[in-house]
Amino acid sequence: MSDAIGDNLRLLCSHYRSIAEVCRKLSINRAQFNKYLSGQSRPTAYNLKRICDFFGVEEYELGLPAEQFARLVGARGASDSPAAGDPLLELLQPLRQHAASLERYCGYYFEYANCMSVPGRILLSLVQLREERGSYLFERQERQERARVGEAEDWVRCRYLGAAFYLQDRLFLIDYESLTGNEMSQTILIPSFKSRISRLNGLKTGVSSGDRRTPACTRVVWDYLGTEINRVAAYRQVMLYAPDDPRIDADIRARLGGAHLRDGLFEIE
């Protein structure tokens, strides 16, 4: 790694509002990052990979002479950027720049929601929120039992893929059903200000899977499981539950309930 790393990092940081914002998104101490910029120290192999993944450059490129690196980044920004010429990515780019870090929220969750397709039932889903090249993505697995065929159980499975943004003390999540591509949903969660994340409350909007595809809104609870789990054991719990099922604790029922809701669900005609 050459001595040009400081100059090259400053050039990359100039595409953001401030160095503090870059440090926040990378979760790297500002004082330590300043040493990288001044050339007083060089990133560890771990931090170097994180920095390169975040800015979308290769490790060897970050060590190129400053003028050569500037030409490389300029050419890439003009033609090779994933957002170049894509109006959807260009539209979302400001959100990525303004969003705060979601690193502390990464991991697995059970999502509890009043089922939009079967009112009066609670749908438990499995969610994984992760960081990937500076963006926060998530996957949500659902399944609902369908009519039995003989003695075999028949399940309807759904897999949602989406992106998450932390904006002004709210977690915004938007996803689509990846197996059919015929629906989207949005979830807004209130963050946890405790030192340890346990449960997050919020609202989810989407549509029921019935013939009318009725738009609906429900309360939702994310129950934090950890960064490493037994996925098979967790997935076995993904299904519909009756509200009085003993596997749904009283706190979850209270968070999902509300006297002004019909079965905990707002339906929009």
C-alpha atoms as a PDB file:
ATOM      1  CA  MET A   1       0.000   0.000   0.000  1.00  0.00           C
ATOM      2  CA  SER A   2       1.594   3.271  -1.125  1.00  0.00           C
ATOM      3  CA  ASP A   3       1.686   6.607   0.673  1.00  0.00           C
ATOM      4  CA  ALA A   4      -1.026   7.863  -1.695  1.00  0.00           C
ATOM      5  CA  ILE A   5      -3.755   6.148   0.332  1.00  0.00           C
ATOM      6  CA  GLY A   6      -4.501   9.333   2.309  1.00  0.00           C
ATOM      7  CA  ASP A   7      -4.986  11.435  -0.819  1.00  0.00           C
ATOM      8  CA  ASN A   8      -7.086   8.721  -2.452  1.00  0.00           C
ATOM      9  CA  LEU A   9      -9.281   8.349   0.615  1.00  0.00           C
ATOM     10  CA  ARG A  10      -9.856  12.116   0.745  1.00  0.00           C
ATOM     11  CA  LEU A  11     -10.937  12.032  -2.893  1.00  0.00           C
ATOM     12  CA  LEU A  12     -13.421   9.255  -2.174  1.00  0.00           C
ATOM     13  CA  CYS A  13     -14.735  11.078   0.913  1.00  0.00           C
ATOM     14  CA  SER A  14     -15.335  14.218  -1.144  1.00  0.00           C
ATOM     15  CA  HIS A  15     -18.339  12.457  -2.714  1.00  0.00           C
ATOM     16  CA  TYR A  16     -20.055  12.529   0.701  1.00  0.00           C
ATOM     17  CA  ARG A  17     -21.277  15.419   2.799  1.00  0.00           C
ATOM     18  CA  SER A  18     -18.566  15.017   5.432  1.00  0.00           C
ATOM     19  CA  ILE A  19     -15.844  12.723   6.710  1.00  0.00           C
ATOM     20  CA  ALA A  20     -17.953  12.230   9.834  1.00  0.00           C
ATOM     21  CA  GLU A  21     -20.710  10.764   7.681  1.00  0.00           C
ATOM     22  CA  VAL A  22     -18.262   8.319   6.078  1.00  0.00           C
ATOM     23  CA  CYS A  23     -16.955   7.264   9.504  1.00  0.00           C
ATOM     24  CA  ARG A  24     -20.506   6.774  10.731  1.00  0.00           C
ATOM     25  CA  LYS A  25     -21.467   4.617   7.753  1.00  0.00           C
ATOM     26  CA  LEU A  26     -18.266   2.577   8.067  1.00  0.00           C
ATOM     27  CA  SER A  27     -18.488   2.414  11.887  1.00  0.00           C
ATOM     28  CA  ILE A  28     -14.826   3.414  12.101  1.00  0.00           C
ATOM     29  CA  ASN A  29     -13.557   5.759  14.811  1.00  0.00           C
ATOM     30  CA  ARG A  30     -13.127   9.301  13.434  1.00  0.00           C
ATOM     31  CA  ALA A  31      -9.724   9.818  15.081  1.00  0.00           C
ATOM     32  CA  GLN A  32      -8.437   6.564  13.616  1.00  0.00           C
ATOM     33  CA  PHE A  33      -9.799   7.413  10.168  1.00  0.00           C
ATOM     34  CA  ASN A  34      -8.088  10.818  10.315  1.00  0.00           C
ATOM     35  CA  LYS A  35      -4.783   8.971  10.746  1.00  0.00           C
ATOM     36  CA  TYR A  36      -5.505   7.082   7.525  1.00  0.00           C
ATOM     37  CA  LEU A  37      -6.193  10.377   5.748  1.00  0.00           C
ATOM     38  CA  SER A  38      -2.991  11.990   7.035  1.00  0.00           C
ATOM     39  CA  GLY A  39      -0.848   8.934   6.300  1.00  0.00           C
ATOM     40  CA  GLN A  40       0.093   8.473   9.975  1.00  0.00           C
ATOM     41  CA  SER A  41      -1.185   4.906   9.903  1.00  0.00           C
ATOM     42  CA  ARG A  42      -2.583   2.412   7.444  1.00  0.00           C
ATOM     43  CA  PRO A  43      -5.804   0.406   7.768  1.00  0.00           C
ATOM     44  CA  THR A  44      -5.667  -3.128   9.048  1.00  0.00           C
ATOM     45  CA  ALA A  45      -6.539  -5.808   6.502  1.00  0.00           C
ATOM     46  CA  TYR A  46     -10.042  -6.018   7.975  1.00  0.00           C
ATOM     47  CA  ASN A  47     -10.689  -2.258   7.848  1.00  0.00           C
ATOM     48  CA  LEU A  48      -9.111  -2.010   4.407  1.00  0.00           C
ATOM     49  CA  LYS A  49     -11.562  -4.530   2.994  1.00  0.00           C
ATOM     50  CA  ARG A  50     -14.503  -2.698   4.603  1.00  0.00           C
ATOM     51  CA  ILE A  51     -13.340   0.640   3.190  1.00  0.00           C
ATOM     52  CA  CYS A  52     -12.832  -0.755  -0.310  1.00  0.00           C
ATOM     53  CA  ASP A  53     -16.188  -2.563  -0.279  1.00  0.00           C
ATOM     54  CA  PHE A  54     -17.915   0.622   0.881  1.00  0.00           C
ATOM     55  CA  PHE A  55     -16.399   2.829  -1.833  1.00  0.00           C
ATOM     56  CA  GLY A  56     -16.517   0.151  -4.526  1.00  0.00           C
ATOM     57  CA  VAL A  57     -12.779   0.050  -5.285  1.00  0.00           C
ATOM     58  CA  GLU A  58     -10.170  -2.699  -5.229  1.00  0.00           C
ATOM     59  CA  GLU A  59      -7.473  -2.757  -2.562  1.00  0.00           C
ATOM     60  CA  TYR A  60      -4.645  -2.358  -5.068  1.00  0.00           C
ATOM     61  CA  GLU A  61      -6.447   0.601  -6.673  1.00  0.00           C
ATOM     62  CA  LEU A  62      -6.468   2.499  -3.389  1.00  0.00           C
ATOM     63  CA  GLY A  63      -2.661   2.346  -3.408  1.00  0.00           C
ATOM     64  CA  LEU A  64      -2.251   3.800  -6.927  1.00  0.00           C
ATOM     65  CA  PRO A  65      -0.597   7.222  -7.390  1.00  0.00           C
ATOM     66  CA  ALA A  66      -3.099   9.974  -6.668  1.00  0.00           C
ATOM     67  CA  GLU A  67      -3.357  11.277 -10.253  1.00  0.00           C
ATOM     68  CA  GLN A  68      -3.837   7.787 -11.672  1.00  0.00           C
ATOM     69  CA  PHE A  69      -6.433   6.977  -9.010  1.00  0.00           C
ATOM     70  CA  ALA A  70      -8.299  10.215  -9.721  1.00  0.00           C
ATOM     71  CA  ARG A  71      -8.508   9.349 -13.419  1.00  0.00           C
ATOM     72  CA  LEU A  72      -9.673   5.839 -12.559  1.00  0.00           C
ATOM     73  CA  VAL A  73     -12.388   7.032 -10.206  1.00  0.00           C
ATOM     74  CA  GLY A  74     -13.457   9.755 -12.595  1.00  0.00           C
ATOM     75  CA  ALA A  75     -13.808   7.320 -15.485  1.00  0.00           C
ATOM     76  CA  ARG A  76     -15.641   4.817 -13.314  1.00  0.00           C
ATOM     77  CA  GLY A  77     -17.962   7.463 -11.984  1.00  0.00           C
ATOM     78  CA  ALA A  78     -18.827   8.578 -15.493  1.00  0.00           C
ATOM     79  CA  SER A  79     -19.485   5.212 -17.069  1.00  0.00           C
ATOM     80  CA  ASP A  80     -19.006   2.181 -14.820  1.00  0.00           C
ATOM     81  CA  SER A  81     -21.057   3.264 -11.808  1.00  0.00           C
ATOM     82  CA  PRO A  82     -24.031   0.922 -11.235  1.00  0.00           C
ATOM     83  CA  ALA A  83     -26.260   3.992 -10.945  1.00  0.00           C
ATOM     84  CA  ALA A  84     -25.103   5.548 -14.206  1.00  0.00           C
ATOM     85  CA  GLY A  85     -28.036   5.714 -16.574  1.00  0.00           C
ATOM     86  CA  ASP A  86     -30.379   3.847 -14.213  1.00  0.00           C
ATOM     87  CA  PRO A  87     -33.107   6.282 -13.089  1.00  0.00           C
ATOM     88  CA  LEU A  88     -34.247   4.037 -10.230  1.00  0.00           C
ATOM     89  CA  LEU A  89     -30.784   3.766  -8.676  1.00  0.00           C
ATOM     90  CA  GLU A  90     -30.208   7.482  -9.193  1.00  0.00           C
ATOM     91  CA  LEU A  91     -33.501   8.179  -7.434  1.00  0.00           C
ATOM     92  CA  LEU A  92     -32.503   6.105  -4.375  1.00  0.00           C
ATOM     93  CA  GLN A  93     -28.901   7.327  -4.189  1.00  0.00           C
ATOM     94  CA  PRO A  94     -29.695  10.363  -1.961  1.00  0.00           C
ATOM     95  CA  LEU A  95     -31.343   8.017   0.549  1.00  0.00           C
ATOM     96  CA  ARG A  96     -28.117   6.044   0.861  1.00  0.00           C
ATOM     97  CA  GLN A  97     -26.168   9.242   1.443  1.00  0.00           C
ATOM     98  CA  HIS A  98     -28.540  10.570   4.115  1.00  0.00           C
ATOM     99  CA  ALA A  99     -29.238   7.274   5.909  1.00  0.00           C
ATOM    100  CA  ALA A 100     -27.497   6.508   9.190  1.00  0.00           C
ATOM    101  CA  SER A 101     -25.821   3.206   9.996  1.00  0.00           C
ATOM    102  CA  LEU A 102     -27.980   0.176  10.763  1.00  0.00           C
ATOM    103  CA  GLU A 103     -25.050  -1.975  11.841  1.00  0.00           C
ATOM    104  CA  ARG A 104     -26.296  -2.497  15.402  1.00  0.00           C
ATOM    105  CA  TYR A 105     -29.604  -3.786  14.031  1.00  0.00           C
ATOM    106  CA  CYS A 106     -28.079  -6.414  11.732  1.00  0.00           C
ATOM    107  CA  GLY A 107     -29.005  -9.982  12.551  1.00  0.00           C
ATOM    108  CA  TYR A 108     -32.033 -12.264  12.652  1.00  0.00           C
ATOM    109  CA  TYR A 109     -35.535 -11.462  13.861  1.00  0.00           C
ATOM    110  CA  PHE A 110     -38.886 -13.119  14.246  1.00  0.00           C
ATOM    111  CA  GLU A 111     -41.463 -10.774  12.740  1.00  0.00           C
ATOM    112  CA  TYR A 112     -44.947 -10.944  14.273  1.00  0.00           C
ATOM    113  CA  ALA A 113     -47.828  -9.310  12.396  1.00  0.00           C
ATOM    114  CA  ASN A 114     -51.590  -9.621  12.159  1.00  0.00           C
ATOM    115  CA  CYS A 115     -52.062 -11.674   9.001  1.00  0.00           C
ATOM    116  CA  MET A 116     -53.481  -9.632   6.118  1.00  0.00           C
ATOM    117  CA  SER A 117     -54.748 -12.745   4.318  1.00  0.00           C
ATOM    118  CA  VAL A 118     -56.295 -14.512   7.307  1.00  0.00           C
ATOM    119  CA  PRO A 119     -57.740 -11.913   9.719  1.00  0.00           C
ATOM    120  CA  GLY A 120     -57.676 -12.977  13.322  1.00  0.00           C
ATOM    121  CA  ARG A 121     -54.426 -14.926  12.964  1.00  0.00           C
ATOM    122  CA  ILE A 122     -50.840 -13.934  13.755  1.00  0.00           C
ATOM    123  CA  LEU A 123     -48.209 -14.519  11.080  1.00  0.00           C
ATOM    124  CA  LEU A 124     -44.685 -15.253  12.284  1.00  0.00           C
ATOM    125  CA  SER A 125     -41.918 -14.650   9.694  1.00  0.00           C
ATOM    126  CA  LEU A 126     -38.135 -14.986   9.807  1.00  0.00           C
ATOM    127  CA  VAL A 127     -36.109 -11.896   8.832  1.00  0.00           C
ATOM    128  CA  GLN A 128     -32.387 -11.412   8.279  1.00  0.00           C
ATOM    129  CA  LEU A 129     -31.048  -7.851   8.082  1.00  0.00           C
ATOM    130  CA  ARG A 130     -27.481  -7.540   6.784  1.00  0.00           C
ATOM    131  CA  GLU A 131     -24.968  -5.029   5.462  1.00  0.00           C
ATOM    132  CA  GLU A 132     -23.654  -5.525   1.942  1.00  0.00           C
ATOM    133  CA  ARG A 133     -21.185  -3.124   0.284  1.00  0.00           C
ATOM    134  CA  GLY A 134     -22.435  -0.129   2.221  1.00  0.00           C
ATOM    135  CA  SER A 135     -26.151  -0.914   1.823  1.00  0.00           C
ATOM    136  CA  TYR A 136     -28.505  -2.602   4.268  1.00  0.00           C
ATOM    137  CA  LEU A 137     -30.562  -5.414   2.776  1.00  0.00           C
ATOM    138  CA  PHE A 138     -32.966  -7.898   4.287  1.00  0.00           C
ATOM    139  CA  GLU A 139     -34.734 -11.153   3.483  1.00  0.00           C
ATOM    140  CA  ARG A 140     -38.068 -12.197   4.982  1.00  0.00           C
ATOM    141  CA  GLN A 141     -39.361 -15.778   4.857  1.00  0.00           C
ATOM    142  CA  GLU A 142     -43.065 -16.548   5.248  1.00  0.00           C
ATOM    143  CA  ARG A 143     -45.132 -19.687   4.960  1.00  0.00           C
ATOM    144  CA  GLN A 144     -48.809 -20.414   5.520  1.00  0.00           C
ATOM    145  CA  GLU A 145     -50.416 -23.818   5.746  1.00  0.00           C
ATOM    146  CA  ARG A 146     -52.822 -24.584   2.930  1.00  0.00           C
ATOM    147  CA  ALA A 147     -55.437 -27.327   2.797  1.00  0.00           C
ATOM    148  CA  ARG A 148     -54.046 -30.778   3.518  1.00  0.00           C
ATOM    149  CA  VAL A 149     -53.583 -33.157   0.605  1.00  0.00           C
ATOM    150  CA  GLY A 150     -54.213 -36.585   2.131  1.00  0.00           C
ATOM    151  CA  GLU A 151     -51.900 -36.750   5.117  1.00  0.00           C
ATOM    152  CA  ALA A 152     -49.295 -34.376   3.643  1.00  0.00           C
ATOM    153  CA  GLU A 153     -49.066 -30.750   4.649  1.00  0.00           C
ATOM    154  CA  ASP A 154     -49.191 -28.221   1.830  1.00  0.00           C
ATOM    155  CA  TRP A 155     -47.527 -24.851   2.458  1.00  0.00           C
ATOM    156  CA  VAL A 156     -47.622 -21.553   0.648  1.00  0.00           C
ATOM    157  CA  ARG A 157     -44.127 -20.092   0.834  1.00  0.00           C
ATOM    158  CA  CYS A 158     -43.138 -16.465   0.254  1.00  0.00           C
ATOM    159  CA  ARG A 159     -39.660 -14.920   0.110  1.00  0.00           C
ATOM    160  CA  TYR A 160     -39.370 -11.148   0.313  1.00  0.00           C
ATOM    161  CA  LEU A 161     -36.202  -9.215  -0.567  1.00  0.00           C
ATOM    162  CA  GLY A 162     -35.763  -5.586   0.348  1.00  0.00           C
ATOM    163  CA  ALA A 163     -33.676  -2.602   1.417  1.00  0.00           C
ATOM    164  CA  ALA A 164     -33.593  -0.785   4.753  1.00  0.00           C
ATOM    165  CA  PHE A 165     -32.849   2.860   5.551  1.00  0.00           C
ATOM    166  CA  TYR A 166     -32.381   4.584   8.912  1.00  0.00           C
ATOM    167  CA  LEU A 167     -33.758   8.114   8.477  1.00  0.00           C
ATOM    168  CA  GLN A 168     -34.593  10.632  11.223  1.00  0.00           C
ATOM    169  CA  ASP A 169     -34.903   8.060  14.016  1.00  0.00           C
ATOM    170  CA  ARG A 170     -37.063   5.658  12.035  1.00  0.00           C
ATOM    171  CA  LEU A 171     -36.249   2.402  10.246  1.00  0.00           C
ATOM    172  CA  PHE A 172     -37.840   2.283   6.780  1.00  0.00           C
ATOM    173  CA  LEU A 173     -37.966  -1.082   4.998  1.00  0.00           C
ATOM    174  CA  ILE A 174     -39.369  -1.754   1.541  1.00  0.00           C
ATOM    175  CA  ASP A 175     -39.488  -5.184  -0.068  1.00  0.00           C
ATOM    176  CA  TYR A 176     -41.022  -7.278  -2.845  1.00  0.00           C
ATOM    177  CA  GLU A 177     -42.095 -10.910  -3.094  1.00  0.00           C
ATOM    178  CA  SER A 178     -39.264 -12.454  -5.103  1.00  0.00           C
ATOM    179  CA  LEU A 179     -40.899 -15.761  -6.064  1.00  0.00           C
ATOM    180  CA  THR A 180     -43.861 -14.221  -7.885  1.00  0.00           C
ATOM    181  CA  GLY A 181     -42.919 -10.545  -8.227  1.00  0.00           C
ATOM    182  CA  ASN A 182     -46.562  -9.549  -7.751  1.00  0.00           C
ATOM    183  CA  GLU A 183     -46.527  -7.537  -4.527  1.00  0.00           C
ATOM    184  CA  MET A 184     -44.575  -5.103  -2.375  1.00  0.00           C
ATOM    185  CA  SER A 185     -44.804  -4.073   1.268  1.00  0.00           C
ATOM    186  CA  GLN A 186     -43.396  -1.337   3.468  1.00  0.00           C
ATOM    187  CA  THR A 187     -42.527  -1.497   7.151  1.00  0.00           C
ATOM    188  CA  ILE A 188     -41.681   1.407   9.462  1.00  0.00           C
ATOM    189  CA  LEU A 189     -40.096   0.544  12.813  1.00  0.00           C
ATOM    190  CA  ILE A 190     -39.298   2.630  15.867  1.00  0.00           C
ATOM    191  CA  PRO A 191     -35.633   2.105  16.807  1.00  0.00           C
ATOM    192  CA  SER A 192     -34.398   0.885  20.162  1.00  0.00           C
ATOM    193  CA  PHE A 193     -32.512   3.391  22.305  1.00  0.00           C
ATOM    194  CA  LYS A 194     -31.471   0.737  24.820  1.00  0.00           C
ATOM    195  CA  SER A 195     -27.972  -0.710  24.890  1.00  0.00           C
ATOM    196  CA  ARG A 196     -29.387  -4.115  23.961  1.00  0.00           C
ATOM    197  CA  ILE A 197     -31.924  -4.637  21.190  1.00  0.00           C
ATOM    198  CA  SER A 198     -34.873  -6.826  22.139  1.00  0.00           C
ATOM    199  CA  ARG A 199     -38.117  -5.924  20.340  1.00  0.00           C
ATOM    200  CA  LEU A 200     -38.990  -3.226  17.797  1.00  0.00           C
ATOM    201  CA  ASN A 201     -42.529  -1.931  17.206  1.00  0.00           C
ATOM    202  CA  GLY A 202     -43.953  -0.530  13.991  1.00  0.00           C
ATOM    203  CA  LEU A 203     -46.467  -0.685  11.184  1.00  0.00           C
ATOM    204  CA  LYS A 204     -46.561  -2.693   7.970  1.00  0.00           C
ATOM    205  CA  THR A 205     -48.564  -1.916   4.820  1.00  0.00           C
ATOM    206  CA  GLY A 206     -49.269  -4.357   2.028  1.00  0.00           C
ATOM    207  CA  VAL A 207     -52.042  -6.360   0.421  1.00  0.00           C
ATOM    208  CA  SER A 208     -53.830  -9.577   1.296  1.00  0.00           C
ATOM    209  CA  SER A 209     -53.294 -12.598  -0.912  1.00  0.00           C
ATOM    210  CA  GLY A 210     -57.046 -13.016  -1.446  1.00  0.00           C
ATOM    211  CA  ASP A 211     -58.817 -12.477  -4.734  1.00  0.00           C
ATOM    212  CA  ARG A 212     -59.569  -8.824  -3.916  1.00  0.00           C
ATOM    213  CA  ARG A 213     -55.927  -8.055  -3.013  1.00  0.00           C
ATOM    214  CA  THR A 214     -57.225  -5.676  -0.345  1.00  0.00           C
ATOM    215  CA  PRO A 215     -54.675  -3.041   0.766  1.00  0.00           C
ATOM    216  CA  ALA A 216     -54.172  -3.250   4.527  1.00  0.00           C
ATOM    217  CA  CYS A 217     -52.040  -1.984   7.398  1.00  0.00           C
ATOM    218  CA  THR A 218     -51.109  -3.882  10.555  1.00  0.00           C
ATOM    219  CA  ARG A 219     -49.048  -3.428  13.649  1.00  0.00           C
ATOM    220  CA  VAL A 220     -45.801  -5.390  13.554  1.00  0.00           C
ATOM    221  CA  VAL A 221     -43.190  -6.502  16.093  1.00  0.00           C
ATOM    222  CA  TRP A 222     -39.610  -7.551  15.343  1.00  0.00           C
ATOM    223  CA  ASP A 223     -38.160  -9.863  18.007  1.00  0.00           C
ATOM    224  CA  TYR A 224     -34.337  -9.921  17.905  1.00  0.00           C
ATOM    225  CA  LEU A 225     -32.781 -13.413  17.813  1.00  0.00           C
ATOM    226  CA  GLY A 226     -29.076 -12.628  17.376  1.00  0.00           C
ATOM    227  CA  THR A 227     -26.441 -12.545  14.642  1.00  0.00           C
ATOM    228  CA  GLU A 228     -26.051 -16.340  14.498  1.00  0.00           C
ATOM    229  CA  ILE A 229     -28.998 -18.721  14.833  1.00  0.00           C
ATOM    230  CA  ASN A 230     -30.095 -22.236  13.961  1.00  0.00           C
ATOM    231  CA  ARG A 231     -31.962 -21.323  10.780  1.00  0.00           C
ATOM    232  CA  VAL A 232     -33.636 -24.711  10.413  1.00  0.00           C
ATOM    233  CA  ALA A 233     -35.051 -24.616  13.934  1.00  0.00           C
ATOM    234  CA  ALA A 234     -36.148 -21.001  13.477  1.00  0.00           C
ATOM    235  CA  TYR A 235     -37.804 -21.682  10.123  1.00  0.00           C
ATOM    236  CA  ARG A 236     -39.873 -24.500  11.631  1.00  0.00           C
ATOM    237  CA  GLN A 237     -41.613 -21.875  13.756  1.00  0.00           C
ATOM    238  CA  VAL A 238     -42.573 -19.772  10.708  1.00  0.00           C
ATOM    239  CA  MET A 239     -46.342 -20.183  10.268  1.00  0.00           C
ATOM    240  CA  LEU A 240     -49.764 -18.852  11.287  1.00  0.00           C
ATOM    241  CA  TYR A 241     -50.759 -18.836  14.951  1.00  0.00           C
ATOM    242  CA  ALA A 242     -54.014 -18.272  16.807  1.00  0.00           C
ATOM    243  CA  PRO A 243     -53.800 -15.164  19.042  1.00  0.00           C
ATOM    244  CA  ASP A 244     -54.283 -17.313  22.148  1.00  0.00           C
ATOM    245  CA  ASP A 245     -51.619 -19.835  21.141  1.00  0.00           C
ATOM    246  CA  PRO A 246     -49.326 -20.277  24.196  1.00  0.00           C
ATOM    247  CA  ARG A 247     -46.289 -19.907  21.912  1.00  0.00           C
ATOM    248  CA  ILE A 248     -47.272 -16.234  21.407  1.00  0.00           C
ATOM    249  CA  ASP A 249     -46.425 -14.485  24.652  1.00  0.00           C
ATOM    250  CA  ALA A 250     -48.606 -11.828  26.261  1.00  0.00           C
ATOM    251  CA  ASP A 251     -46.215  -8.995  25.398  1.00  0.00           C
ATOM    252  CA  ILE A 252     -46.388  -9.788  21.672  1.00  0.00           C
ATOM    253  CA  ARG A 253     -50.202  -9.971  21.792  1.00  0.00           C
ATOM    254  CA  ALA A 254     -50.355  -6.613  23.585  1.00  0.00           C
ATOM    255  CA  ARG A 255     -48.056  -4.950  21.054  1.00  0.00           C
ATOM    256  CA  LEU A 256     -50.101  -6.272  18.126  1.00  0.00           C
ATOM    257  CA  GLY A 257     -53.524  -5.586  19.640  1.00  0.00           C
ATOM    258  CA  GLY A 258     -55.691  -2.491  19.876  1.00  0.00           C
ATOM    259  CA  ALA A 259     -59.360  -1.968  20.639  1.00  0.00           C
ATOM    260  CA  HIS A 260     -59.828   0.259  17.588  1.00  0.00           C
ATOM    261  CA  LEU A 261     -58.582  -2.396  15.183  1.00  0.00           C
ATOM    262  CA  ARG A 262     -60.611  -5.207  13.671  1.00  0.00           C
ATOM    263  CA  ASP A 263     -58.489  -8.272  14.397  1.00  0.00           C
ATOM    264  CA  GLY A 264     -55.520  -5.946  14.696  1.00  0.00           C
ATOM    265  CA  LEU A 265     -55.817  -5.003  11.013  1.00  0.00           C
ATOM    266  CA  PHE A 266     -56.698  -1.814   9.144  1.00  0.00           C
ATOM    267  CA  GLU A 267     -58.356  -2.575   5.814  1.00  0.00           C
ATOM    268  CA  ILE A 268     -58.386   0.118   3.144  1.00  0.00           C
ATOM    269  CA  GLU A 269     -61.315   0.096   0.755  1.00  0.00           C
END
